[in-house]
Amino acid sequence: MQVEDEDEENGGGYIIRAGEAEMTLSADDNVYFSTIEGPYWEAETSGATPVSGSDVFVQNDEINKELLKSQTYTKDELVNLMQQDIPTITMTRHVTGFRVYFMFTQVTADGSTDNDIDEDDWISELGCNPSDFSIKLYLGPNFCHQYDVLNNAVVSGDEGGFYATNDQTYQEFERVEYSYTTGDNGIGLYRGFGYVTDASNYLLSPLNTSIPATDFSIYAFIKYKSSDYSSDEGASWFQAQIPGITLETNRIHYIIMAFDIEDLRSQFLPATTTLSRTPWSAPRKIGIKPIKVICN
């Protein structure tokens, strides 16, 4: 990047050049640098949640990406900056990232920190395959429709919304594993089946910080032996809040939630429930509590 300071005869402005592109500004114009074009970041909306009717946002690689922004510079500040030996423009992140590990596992009876189940044991315990279950998660409602990049603020009146996993479609349970350091410097392990965010597909989005952090939840929608992956009809759902989560920007949250496979047995398997449902049933709320929640 180059900055050309125009003399007073030419208006006293300045020109910023980068490659073949250039921008001419007056002497009183201020400038900032950002990874997105335009003054606003805008989410893409598609549908509403079946729980609250709040908007659901589409996770899009062209939208949900790093939003970095510099401070605002005057002409003199920018000219002085470019005269330094190594001119450096510091950019700060204005989105928050999320990666979720959400699993059902076998709880150890002795209180051990290792909670593990493999596919063979799952089939032996529950009489079905992990892939007989499909899942979709809604995260929110602390996301925003529009973010004012210049003023580092959510646009006034924004009511928040949710993101859903896997392009808003259900996916079969997959292998999920998370290890962590215990208080005595040992290693704890949670290994089971459910959902995990792909390492290359973290959710990145500005947050609506006017909505309390205590409102942030994961709503898990689960189906058993269903071929309908596109709608929430026939699903069972429960809410799981995230204690200790913050609304800090420039942060990546790792959310780990582990649940007991016995809850799947009691809520979904025909041998242990008399509930009769049709494929066209509206989503039903069930009561499932996590055995462990970790939020880093």
C-alpha atoms as a PDB file:
ATOM      1  CA  MET A   1       0.000   0.000   0.000  1.00  0.00           C
ATOM      2  CA  GLN A   2       1.147   3.553  -0.742  1.00  0.00           C
ATOM      3  CA  VAL A   3      -0.116   6.894   0.545  1.00  0.00           C
ATOM      4  CA  GLU A   4       0.440  10.008  -1.552  1.00  0.00           C
ATOM      5  CA  ASP A   5       0.065  13.350   0.207  1.00  0.00           C
ATOM      6  CA  GLU A   6      -1.285  15.989  -2.181  1.00  0.00           C
ATOM      7  CA  ASP A   7      -0.078  19.576  -1.872  1.00  0.00           C
ATOM      8  CA  GLU A   8      -2.368  22.461  -1.000  1.00  0.00           C
ATOM      9  CA  GLU A   9      -2.670  23.532  -4.626  1.00  0.00           C
ATOM     10  CA  ASN A  10      -4.383  20.219  -5.345  1.00  0.00           C
ATOM     11  CA  GLY A  11      -6.704  20.463  -2.361  1.00  0.00           C
ATOM     12  CA  GLY A  12      -4.424  19.071   0.331  1.00  0.00           C
ATOM     13  CA  GLY A  13      -6.008  15.631   0.220  1.00  0.00           C
ATOM     14  CA  TYR A  14      -4.360  12.246  -0.067  1.00  0.00           C
ATOM     15  CA  ILE A  15      -4.446   9.185  -2.291  1.00  0.00           C
ATOM     16  CA  ILE A  16      -4.260   5.581  -1.099  1.00  0.00           C
ATOM     17  CA  ARG A  17      -2.967   3.101  -3.667  1.00  0.00           C
ATOM     18  CA  ALA A  18      -2.931  -0.690  -3.424  1.00  0.00           C
ATOM     19  CA  GLY A  19      -1.967  -2.543  -6.574  1.00  0.00           C
ATOM     20  CA  GLU A  20      -4.011  -1.115  -9.424  1.00  0.00           C
ATOM     21  CA  ALA A  21      -6.702   0.262  -7.115  1.00  0.00           C
ATOM     22  CA  GLU A  22      -6.665   3.733  -5.644  1.00  0.00           C
ATOM     23  CA  MET A  23      -8.862   5.996  -3.529  1.00  0.00           C
ATOM     24  CA  THR A  24      -8.729   9.782  -3.388  1.00  0.00           C
ATOM     25  CA  LEU A  25      -9.768  11.451  -0.138  1.00  0.00           C
ATOM     26  CA  SER A  26     -10.012  15.022   1.058  1.00  0.00           C
ATOM     27  CA  ALA A  27      -7.749  16.302   3.815  1.00  0.00           C
ATOM     28  CA  ASP A  28     -10.563  15.959   6.380  1.00  0.00           C
ATOM     29  CA  ASP A  29     -11.545  12.398   5.441  1.00  0.00           C
ATOM     30  CA  ASN A  30     -10.718   9.608   7.877  1.00  0.00           C
ATOM     31  CA  VAL A  31     -10.152   6.019   6.810  1.00  0.00           C
ATOM     32  CA  TYR A  32     -10.189   2.534   8.307  1.00  0.00           C
ATOM     33  CA  PHE A  33      -9.207  -0.839   6.882  1.00  0.00           C
ATOM     34  CA  SER A  34     -11.384  -3.939   6.982  1.00  0.00           C
ATOM     35  CA  THR A  35     -11.589  -7.434   5.527  1.00  0.00           C
ATOM     36  CA  ILE A  36     -15.084  -6.791   4.142  1.00  0.00           C
ATOM     37  CA  GLU A  37     -16.367  -4.244   1.672  1.00  0.00           C
ATOM     38  CA  GLY A  38     -18.960  -1.734   2.754  1.00  0.00           C
ATOM     39  CA  PRO A  39     -19.872  -0.259   6.141  1.00  0.00           C
ATOM     40  CA  TYR A  40     -22.158  -3.111   7.262  1.00  0.00           C
ATOM     41  CA  TRP A  41     -21.877  -6.851   7.779  1.00  0.00           C
ATOM     42  CA  GLU A  42     -25.227  -8.555   7.054  1.00  0.00           C
ATOM     43  CA  ALA A  43     -26.420 -12.069   7.866  1.00  0.00           C
ATOM     44  CA  GLU A  44     -28.459 -14.165   5.432  1.00  0.00           C
ATOM     45  CA  THR A  45     -31.832 -15.188   6.888  1.00  0.00           C
ATOM     46  CA  SER A  46     -33.708 -18.383   6.028  1.00  0.00           C
ATOM     47  CA  GLY A  47     -36.733 -19.493   8.026  1.00  0.00           C
ATOM     48  CA  ALA A  48     -37.445 -19.432  11.747  1.00  0.00           C
ATOM     49  CA  THR A  49     -36.829 -21.703  14.715  1.00  0.00           C
ATOM     50  CA  PRO A  50     -39.691 -24.022  15.705  1.00  0.00           C
ATOM     51  CA  VAL A  51     -39.147 -23.124  19.376  1.00  0.00           C
ATOM     52  CA  SER A  52     -39.309 -19.327  19.478  1.00  0.00           C
ATOM     53  CA  GLY A  53     -40.027 -18.283  15.894  1.00  0.00           C
ATOM     54  CA  SER A  54     -36.782 -16.290  15.840  1.00  0.00           C
ATOM     55  CA  ASP A  55     -34.937 -15.888  12.555  1.00  0.00           C
ATOM     56  CA  VAL A  56     -32.468 -18.565  11.502  1.00  0.00           C
ATOM     57  CA  PHE A  57     -29.320 -17.387   9.744  1.00  0.00           C
ATOM     58  CA  VAL A  58     -27.546 -19.275   6.978  1.00  0.00           C
ATOM     59  CA  GLN A  59     -23.901 -20.094   7.635  1.00  0.00           C
ATOM     60  CA  ASN A  60     -22.254 -18.929   4.434  1.00  0.00           C
ATOM     61  CA  ASP A  61     -18.521 -19.004   3.689  1.00  0.00           C
ATOM     62  CA  GLU A  62     -18.782 -15.629   1.974  1.00  0.00           C
ATOM     63  CA  ILE A  63     -20.515 -14.055   4.986  1.00  0.00           C
ATOM     64  CA  ASN A  64     -19.399 -15.995   8.053  1.00  0.00           C
ATOM     65  CA  LYS A  65     -15.698 -15.345   7.806  1.00  0.00           C
ATOM     66  CA  GLU A  66     -13.102 -13.333   9.679  1.00  0.00           C
ATOM     67  CA  LEU A  67     -14.191  -9.731  10.175  1.00  0.00           C
ATOM     68  CA  LEU A  68     -11.046  -7.765  10.907  1.00  0.00           C
ATOM     69  CA  LYS A  69     -10.923  -3.999  11.256  1.00  0.00           C
ATOM     70  CA  SER A  70      -8.304  -1.384  12.026  1.00  0.00           C
ATOM     71  CA  GLN A  71      -8.653   1.787  14.026  1.00  0.00           C
ATOM     72  CA  THR A  72      -9.788   4.912  12.175  1.00  0.00           C
ATOM     73  CA  TYR A  73      -6.920   7.059  10.849  1.00  0.00           C
ATOM     74  CA  THR A  74      -6.740  10.747   9.985  1.00  0.00           C
ATOM     75  CA  LYS A  75      -4.672  11.832   7.011  1.00  0.00           C
ATOM     76  CA  ASP A  76      -1.743  12.884   9.214  1.00  0.00           C
ATOM     77  CA  GLU A  77      -1.844   9.657  11.231  1.00  0.00           C
ATOM     78  CA  LEU A  78      -1.769   7.541   8.095  1.00  0.00           C
ATOM     79  CA  VAL A  79       1.032   9.557   6.473  1.00  0.00           C
ATOM     80  CA  ASN A  80       3.108   9.311   9.663  1.00  0.00           C
ATOM     81  CA  LEU A  81       2.410   5.595   9.877  1.00  0.00           C
ATOM     82  CA  MET A  82       3.664   4.986   6.353  1.00  0.00           C
ATOM     83  CA  GLN A  83       6.905   6.827   7.144  1.00  0.00           C
ATOM     84  CA  GLN A  84       7.877   4.343   9.863  1.00  0.00           C
ATOM     85  CA  ASP A  85      10.631   1.801   9.197  1.00  0.00           C
ATOM     86  CA  ILE A  86       8.112  -1.053   9.191  1.00  0.00           C
ATOM     87  CA  PRO A  87       4.622   0.404   8.700  1.00  0.00           C
ATOM     88  CA  THR A  88       2.105  -1.804  10.515  1.00  0.00           C
ATOM     89  CA  ILE A  89      -1.675  -1.570  10.602  1.00  0.00           C
ATOM     90  CA  THR A  90      -3.118  -3.589  13.474  1.00  0.00           C
ATOM     91  CA  MET A  91      -6.396  -5.360  12.775  1.00  0.00           C
ATOM     92  CA  THR A  92      -8.708  -6.699  15.487  1.00  0.00           C
ATOM     93  CA  ARG A  93     -11.347  -9.408  15.163  1.00  0.00           C
ATOM     94  CA  HIS A  94     -14.999  -8.339  15.429  1.00  0.00           C
ATOM     95  CA  VAL A  95     -16.589 -11.779  15.254  1.00  0.00           C
ATOM     96  CA  THR A  96     -16.852 -14.606  17.762  1.00  0.00           C
ATOM     97  CA  GLY A  97     -16.167 -18.195  16.756  1.00  0.00           C
ATOM     98  CA  PHE A  98     -17.806 -21.425  17.863  1.00  0.00           C
ATOM     99  CA  ARG A  99     -16.871 -25.092  17.661  1.00  0.00           C
ATOM    100  CA  VAL A 100     -19.253 -27.599  19.269  1.00  0.00           C
ATOM    101  CA  TYR A 101     -18.675 -31.149  20.523  1.00  0.00           C
ATOM    102  CA  PHE A 102     -22.077 -32.658  21.355  1.00  0.00           C
ATOM    103  CA  MET A 103     -22.209 -36.335  22.235  1.00  0.00           C
ATOM    104  CA  PHE A 104     -23.971 -39.186  23.979  1.00  0.00           C
ATOM    105  CA  THR A 105     -21.674 -41.551  25.853  1.00  0.00           C
ATOM    106  CA  GLN A 106     -21.660 -44.249  28.519  1.00  0.00           C
ATOM    107  CA  VAL A 107     -21.219 -42.868  32.021  1.00  0.00           C
ATOM    108  CA  THR A 108     -18.746 -44.775  34.154  1.00  0.00           C
ATOM    109  CA  ALA A 109     -20.232 -46.083  37.388  1.00  0.00           C
ATOM    110  CA  ASP A 110     -17.093 -45.388  39.454  1.00  0.00           C
ATOM    111  CA  GLY A 111     -17.035 -41.680  38.688  1.00  0.00           C
ATOM    112  CA  SER A 112     -13.976 -41.997  36.460  1.00  0.00           C
ATOM    113  CA  THR A 113     -13.040 -39.101  34.195  1.00  0.00           C
ATOM    114  CA  ASP A 114     -13.082 -41.477  31.212  1.00  0.00           C
ATOM    115  CA  ASN A 115     -16.551 -41.792  29.682  1.00  0.00           C
ATOM    116  CA  ASP A 116     -16.386 -43.855  26.524  1.00  0.00           C
ATOM    117  CA  ILE A 117     -18.495 -46.010  24.235  1.00  0.00           C
ATOM    118  CA  ASP A 118     -17.588 -47.515  20.874  1.00  0.00           C
ATOM    119  CA  GLU A 119     -19.955 -48.633  18.133  1.00  0.00           C
ATOM    120  CA  ASP A 120     -20.044 -52.283  19.203  1.00  0.00           C
ATOM    121  CA  ASP A 121     -20.879 -51.398  22.802  1.00  0.00           C
ATOM    122  CA  TRP A 122     -23.490 -48.899  21.607  1.00  0.00           C
ATOM    123  CA  ILE A 123     -25.235 -51.605  19.589  1.00  0.00           C
ATOM    124  CA  SER A 124     -24.978 -54.038  22.502  1.00  0.00           C
ATOM    125  CA  GLU A 125     -26.388 -51.529  24.991  1.00  0.00           C
ATOM    126  CA  LEU A 126     -29.131 -49.907  22.911  1.00  0.00           C
ATOM    127  CA  GLY A 127     -29.880 -52.516  20.254  1.00  0.00           C
ATOM    128  CA  CYS A 128     -29.488 -50.006  17.420  1.00  0.00           C
ATOM    129  CA  ASN A 129     -26.756 -48.249  15.473  1.00  0.00           C
ATOM    130  CA  PRO A 130     -25.524 -44.730  16.237  1.00  0.00           C
ATOM    131  CA  SER A 131     -26.466 -43.844  12.664  1.00  0.00           C
ATOM    132  CA  ASP A 132     -30.121 -44.632  13.461  1.00  0.00           C
ATOM    133  CA  PHE A 133     -30.165 -41.240  15.188  1.00  0.00           C
ATOM    134  CA  SER A 134     -29.916 -37.932  13.342  1.00  0.00           C
ATOM    135  CA  ILE A 135     -29.338 -34.507  14.844  1.00  0.00           C
ATOM    136  CA  LYS A 136     -29.534 -30.790  14.191  1.00  0.00           C
ATOM    137  CA  LEU A 137     -28.466 -28.064  16.605  1.00  0.00           C
ATOM    138  CA  TYR A 138     -29.724 -24.498  16.879  1.00  0.00           C
ATOM    139  CA  LEU A 139     -27.326 -22.037  18.539  1.00  0.00           C
ATOM    140  CA  GLY A 140     -28.531 -18.656  19.768  1.00  0.00           C
ATOM    141  CA  PRO A 141     -30.254 -16.242  20.095  1.00  0.00           C
ATOM    142  CA  ASN A 142     -27.228 -13.968  20.580  1.00  0.00           C
ATOM    143  CA  PHE A 143     -26.399 -13.471  16.899  1.00  0.00           C
ATOM    144  CA  CYS A 144     -27.260 -10.393  14.866  1.00  0.00           C
ATOM    145  CA  HIS A 145     -28.819  -9.523  11.522  1.00  0.00           C
ATOM    146  CA  GLN A 146     -26.592  -6.534  10.798  1.00  0.00           C
ATOM    147  CA  TYR A 147     -23.339  -5.188  12.227  1.00  0.00           C
ATOM    148  CA  ASP A 148     -22.076  -1.616  11.843  1.00  0.00           C
ATOM    149  CA  VAL A 149     -18.394  -2.115  11.038  1.00  0.00           C
ATOM    150  CA  LEU A 150     -17.420   1.563  11.264  1.00  0.00           C
ATOM    151  CA  ASN A 151     -18.917   2.047  14.733  1.00  0.00           C
ATOM    152  CA  ASN A 152     -18.214  -1.473  16.032  1.00  0.00           C
ATOM    153  CA  ALA A 153     -21.832  -1.989  17.051  1.00  0.00           C
ATOM    154  CA  VAL A 154     -24.950  -4.011  16.283  1.00  0.00           C
ATOM    155  CA  VAL A 155     -27.504  -1.973  14.370  1.00  0.00           C
ATOM    156  CA  SER A 156     -30.166  -0.527  16.689  1.00  0.00           C
ATOM    157  CA  GLY A 157     -33.307  -2.628  17.115  1.00  0.00           C
ATOM    158  CA  ASP A 158     -31.718  -5.950  16.191  1.00  0.00           C
ATOM    159  CA  GLU A 159     -33.661  -8.777  17.883  1.00  0.00           C
ATOM    160  CA  GLY A 160     -31.078 -11.520  17.476  1.00  0.00           C
ATOM    161  CA  GLY A 161     -31.368 -14.929  15.881  1.00  0.00           C
ATOM    162  CA  PHE A 162     -29.999 -18.463  15.590  1.00  0.00           C
ATOM    163  CA  TYR A 163     -27.643 -20.504  13.464  1.00  0.00           C
ATOM    164  CA  ALA A 164     -28.367 -24.155  12.683  1.00  0.00           C
ATOM    165  CA  THR A 165     -25.804 -26.852  11.992  1.00  0.00           C
ATOM    166  CA  ASN A 166     -25.195 -28.675   8.700  1.00  0.00           C
ATOM    167  CA  ASP A 167     -26.984 -26.164   6.436  1.00  0.00           C
ATOM    168  CA  GLN A 168     -30.157 -26.568   8.531  1.00  0.00           C
ATOM    169  CA  THR A 169     -30.457 -30.289   7.762  1.00  0.00           C
ATOM    170  CA  TYR A 170     -30.226 -33.309  10.029  1.00  0.00           C
ATOM    171  CA  GLN A 171     -27.161 -35.508   9.934  1.00  0.00           C
ATOM    172  CA  GLU A 172     -26.545 -38.981  11.319  1.00  0.00           C
ATOM    173  CA  PHE A 173     -24.698 -39.323  14.620  1.00  0.00           C
ATOM    174  CA  GLU A 174     -20.950 -39.385  14.095  1.00  0.00           C
ATOM    175  CA  ARG A 175     -17.963 -40.240  16.256  1.00  0.00           C
ATOM    176  CA  VAL A 176     -17.133 -37.452  18.720  1.00  0.00           C
ATOM    177  CA  GLU A 177     -14.131 -37.332  21.021  1.00  0.00           C
ATOM    178  CA  TYR A 178     -12.793 -34.706  23.400  1.00  0.00           C
ATOM    179  CA  SER A 179      -9.959 -34.979  25.910  1.00  0.00           C
ATOM    180  CA  TYR A 180      -9.106 -32.415  28.554  1.00  0.00           C
ATOM    181  CA  THR A 181      -6.821 -31.789  31.513  1.00  0.00           C
ATOM    182  CA  THR A 182      -8.362 -32.500  34.912  1.00  0.00           C
ATOM    183  CA  GLY A 183      -7.731 -30.527  38.099  1.00  0.00           C
ATOM    184  CA  ASP A 184      -4.983 -32.924  39.222  1.00  0.00           C
ATOM    185  CA  ASN A 185      -3.207 -32.636  35.849  1.00  0.00           C
ATOM    186  CA  GLY A 186      -4.651 -35.918  34.693  1.00  0.00           C
ATOM    187  CA  ILE A 187      -6.410 -36.497  31.383  1.00  0.00           C
ATOM    188  CA  GLY A 188     -10.181 -36.748  31.116  1.00  0.00           C
ATOM    189  CA  LEU A 189     -11.944 -38.217  28.110  1.00  0.00           C
ATOM    190  CA  TYR A 190     -15.407 -38.035  26.605  1.00  0.00           C
ATOM    191  CA  ARG A 191     -15.924 -40.276  23.586  1.00  0.00           C
ATOM    192  CA  GLY A 192     -19.272 -41.135  22.069  1.00  0.00           C
ATOM    193  CA  PHE A 193     -21.575 -40.300  19.166  1.00  0.00           C
ATOM    194  CA  GLY A 194     -23.410 -37.136  18.187  1.00  0.00           C
ATOM    195  CA  TYR A 195     -22.256 -33.990  16.410  1.00  0.00           C
ATOM    196  CA  VAL A 196     -18.939 -32.163  16.128  1.00  0.00           C
ATOM    197  CA  THR A 197     -18.182 -29.016  14.149  1.00  0.00           C
ATOM    198  CA  ASP A 198     -15.776 -29.684  11.294  1.00  0.00           C
ATOM    199  CA  ALA A 199     -12.330 -28.282  12.047  1.00  0.00           C
ATOM    200  CA  SER A 200     -12.476 -26.298   8.796  1.00  0.00           C
ATOM    201  CA  ASN A 201     -15.981 -24.930   9.347  1.00  0.00           C
ATOM    202  CA  TYR A 202     -16.093 -22.990  12.607  1.00  0.00           C
ATOM    203  CA  LEU A 203     -19.076 -20.677  12.929  1.00  0.00           C
ATOM    204  CA  LEU A 204     -17.878 -17.049  12.798  1.00  0.00           C
ATOM    205  CA  SER A 205     -20.342 -14.223  13.386  1.00  0.00           C
ATOM    206  CA  PRO A 206     -20.740 -10.887  15.158  1.00  0.00           C
ATOM    207  CA  LEU A 207     -22.813 -11.141  18.329  1.00  0.00           C
ATOM    208  CA  ASN A 208     -25.748  -9.118  19.553  1.00  0.00           C
ATOM    209  CA  THR A 209     -24.268  -8.078  22.885  1.00  0.00           C
ATOM    210  CA  SER A 210     -27.527  -6.454  24.025  1.00  0.00           C
ATOM    211  CA  ILE A 211     -28.943  -9.967  24.569  1.00  0.00           C
ATOM    212  CA  PRO A 212     -27.678 -11.408  27.891  1.00  0.00           C
ATOM    213  CA  ALA A 213     -25.049 -14.126  27.664  1.00  0.00           C
ATOM    214  CA  THR A 214     -27.229 -16.233  29.972  1.00  0.00           C
ATOM    215  CA  ASP A 215     -29.759 -16.522  27.129  1.00  0.00           C
ATOM    216  CA  PHE A 216     -27.288 -18.371  24.909  1.00  0.00           C
ATOM    217  CA  SER A 217     -28.314 -22.008  24.496  1.00  0.00           C
ATOM    218  CA  ILE A 218     -27.984 -24.985  22.227  1.00  0.00           C
ATOM    219  CA  TYR A 219     -31.310 -26.466  21.177  1.00  0.00           C
ATOM    220  CA  ALA A 220     -30.783 -30.087  20.162  1.00  0.00           C
ATOM    221  CA  PHE A 221     -33.293 -31.645  17.742  1.00  0.00           C
ATOM    222  CA  ILE A 222     -32.964 -35.423  17.409  1.00  0.00           C
ATOM    223  CA  LYS A 223     -34.759 -38.002  15.279  1.00  0.00           C
ATOM    224  CA  TYR A 224     -34.737 -41.790  15.514  1.00  0.00           C
ATOM    225  CA  LYS A 225     -34.906 -43.914  12.364  1.00  0.00           C
ATOM    226  CA  SER A 226     -36.195 -41.078  10.218  1.00  0.00           C
ATOM    227  CA  SER A 227     -35.487 -40.538   6.535  1.00  0.00           C
ATOM    228  CA  ASP A 228     -36.635 -36.909   6.695  1.00  0.00           C
ATOM    229  CA  TYR A 229     -33.492 -34.823   7.108  1.00  0.00           C
ATOM    230  CA  SER A 230     -34.908 -31.506   5.940  1.00  0.00           C
ATOM    231  CA  SER A 231     -37.716 -30.643   8.388  1.00  0.00           C
ATOM    232  CA  ASP A 232     -38.138 -30.611  12.171  1.00  0.00           C
ATOM    233  CA  GLU A 233     -41.387 -32.594  12.034  1.00  0.00           C
ATOM    234  CA  GLY A 234     -41.246 -35.732  14.121  1.00  0.00           C
ATOM    235  CA  ALA A 235     -38.192 -34.569  16.079  1.00  0.00           C
ATOM    236  CA  SER A 236     -37.703 -34.431  19.823  1.00  0.00           C
ATOM    237  CA  TRP A 237     -35.828 -31.479  21.243  1.00  0.00           C
ATOM    238  CA  PHE A 238     -34.323 -30.125  24.435  1.00  0.00           C
ATOM    239  CA  GLN A 239     -32.547 -26.972  25.510  1.00  0.00           C
ATOM    240  CA  ALA A 240     -29.026 -26.986  26.941  1.00  0.00           C
ATOM    241  CA  GLN A 241     -27.690 -23.742  28.375  1.00  0.00           C
ATOM    242  CA  ILE A 242     -23.968 -22.962  28.472  1.00  0.00           C
ATOM    243  CA  PRO A 243     -22.827 -21.811  31.925  1.00  0.00           C
ATOM    244  CA  GLY A 244     -19.951 -19.354  31.870  1.00  0.00           C
ATOM    245  CA  ILE A 245     -20.174 -18.377  28.219  1.00  0.00           C
ATOM    246  CA  THR A 246     -19.217 -14.787  27.422  1.00  0.00           C
ATOM    247  CA  LEU A 247     -20.027 -12.419  24.568  1.00  0.00           C
ATOM    248  CA  GLU A 248     -16.433 -11.337  24.027  1.00  0.00           C
ATOM    249  CA  THR A 249     -15.382 -10.619  20.475  1.00  0.00           C
ATOM    250  CA  ASN A 250     -12.000 -11.767  19.208  1.00  0.00           C
ATOM    251  CA  ARG A 251     -12.568 -15.151  20.828  1.00  0.00           C
ATOM    252  CA  ILE A 252     -13.185 -18.738  19.730  1.00  0.00           C
ATOM    253  CA  HIS A 253     -15.503 -20.737  22.004  1.00  0.00           C
ATOM    254  CA  TYR A 254     -15.088 -24.503  22.291  1.00  0.00           C
ATOM    255  CA  ILE A 255     -18.320 -25.926  23.701  1.00  0.00           C
ATOM    256  CA  ILE A 256     -18.285 -29.544  24.867  1.00  0.00           C
ATOM    257  CA  MET A 257     -21.523 -31.187  25.993  1.00  0.00           C
ATOM    258  CA  ALA A 258     -21.780 -34.839  27.025  1.00  0.00           C
ATOM    259  CA  PHE A 259     -25.013 -36.736  27.715  1.00  0.00           C
ATOM    260  CA  ASP A 260     -25.848 -40.205  29.014  1.00  0.00           C
ATOM    261  CA  ILE A 261     -26.914 -42.812  26.439  1.00  0.00           C
ATOM    262  CA  GLU A 262     -29.565 -43.912  28.945  1.00  0.00           C
ATOM    263  CA  ASP A 263     -31.447 -40.716  28.082  1.00  0.00           C
ATOM    264  CA  LEU A 264     -31.662 -41.896  24.479  1.00  0.00           C
ATOM    265  CA  ARG A 265     -32.959 -45.246  25.676  1.00  0.00           C
ATOM    266  CA  SER A 266     -35.693 -43.694  27.814  1.00  0.00           C
ATOM    267  CA  GLN A 267     -36.776 -41.059  25.294  1.00  0.00           C
ATOM    268  CA  PHE A 268     -36.471 -42.754  21.906  1.00  0.00           C
ATOM    269  CA  LEU A 269     -36.316 -46.539  21.966  1.00  0.00           C
ATOM    270  CA  PRO A 270     -39.699 -48.280  21.459  1.00  0.00           C
ATOM    271  CA  ALA A 271     -39.043 -50.978  24.051  1.00  0.00           C
ATOM    272  CA  THR A 272     -38.980 -48.429  26.865  1.00  0.00           C
ATOM    273  CA  THR A 273     -41.594 -45.870  25.860  1.00  0.00           C
ATOM    274  CA  THR A 274     -45.291 -46.090  25.120  1.00  0.00           C
ATOM    275  CA  LEU A 275     -45.338 -42.787  23.254  1.00  0.00           C
ATOM    276  CA  SER A 276     -46.875 -43.200  19.813  1.00  0.00           C
ATOM    277  CA  ARG A 277     -45.871 -40.666  17.200  1.00  0.00           C
ATOM    278  CA  THR A 278     -46.374 -40.244  13.488  1.00  0.00           C
ATOM    279  CA  PRO A 279     -43.845 -38.903  10.992  1.00  0.00           C
ATOM    280  CA  TRP A 280     -45.898 -35.704  10.774  1.00  0.00           C
ATOM    281  CA  SER A 281     -45.827 -34.934  14.499  1.00  0.00           C
ATOM    282  CA  ALA A 282     -44.715 -31.491  15.605  1.00  0.00           C
ATOM    283  CA  PRO A 283     -41.423 -31.410  17.509  1.00  0.00           C
ATOM    284  CA  ARG A 284     -41.903 -32.480  21.123  1.00  0.00           C
ATOM    285  CA  LYS A 285     -39.947 -31.130  24.062  1.00  0.00           C
ATOM    286  CA  ILE A 286     -38.146 -33.668  26.235  1.00  0.00           C
ATOM    287  CA  GLY A 287     -36.106 -33.381  29.410  1.00  0.00           C
ATOM    288  CA  ILE A 288     -32.447 -34.294  28.998  1.00  0.00           C
ATOM    289  CA  LYS A 289     -29.656 -32.808  31.103  1.00  0.00           C
ATOM    290  CA  PRO A 290     -25.936 -32.954  30.302  1.00  0.00           C
ATOM    291  CA  ILE A 291     -23.550 -34.905  32.478  1.00  0.00           C
ATOM    292  CA  LYS A 292     -20.762 -32.475  31.572  1.00  0.00           C
ATOM    293  CA  VAL A 293     -20.484 -29.009  30.029  1.00  0.00           C
ATOM    294  CA  ILE A 294     -17.131 -27.436  29.194  1.00  0.00           C
ATOM    295  CA  CYS A 295     -16.859 -23.982  27.634  1.00  0.00           C
ATOM    296  CA  ASN A 296     -13.379 -22.727  26.778  1.00  0.00           C
END
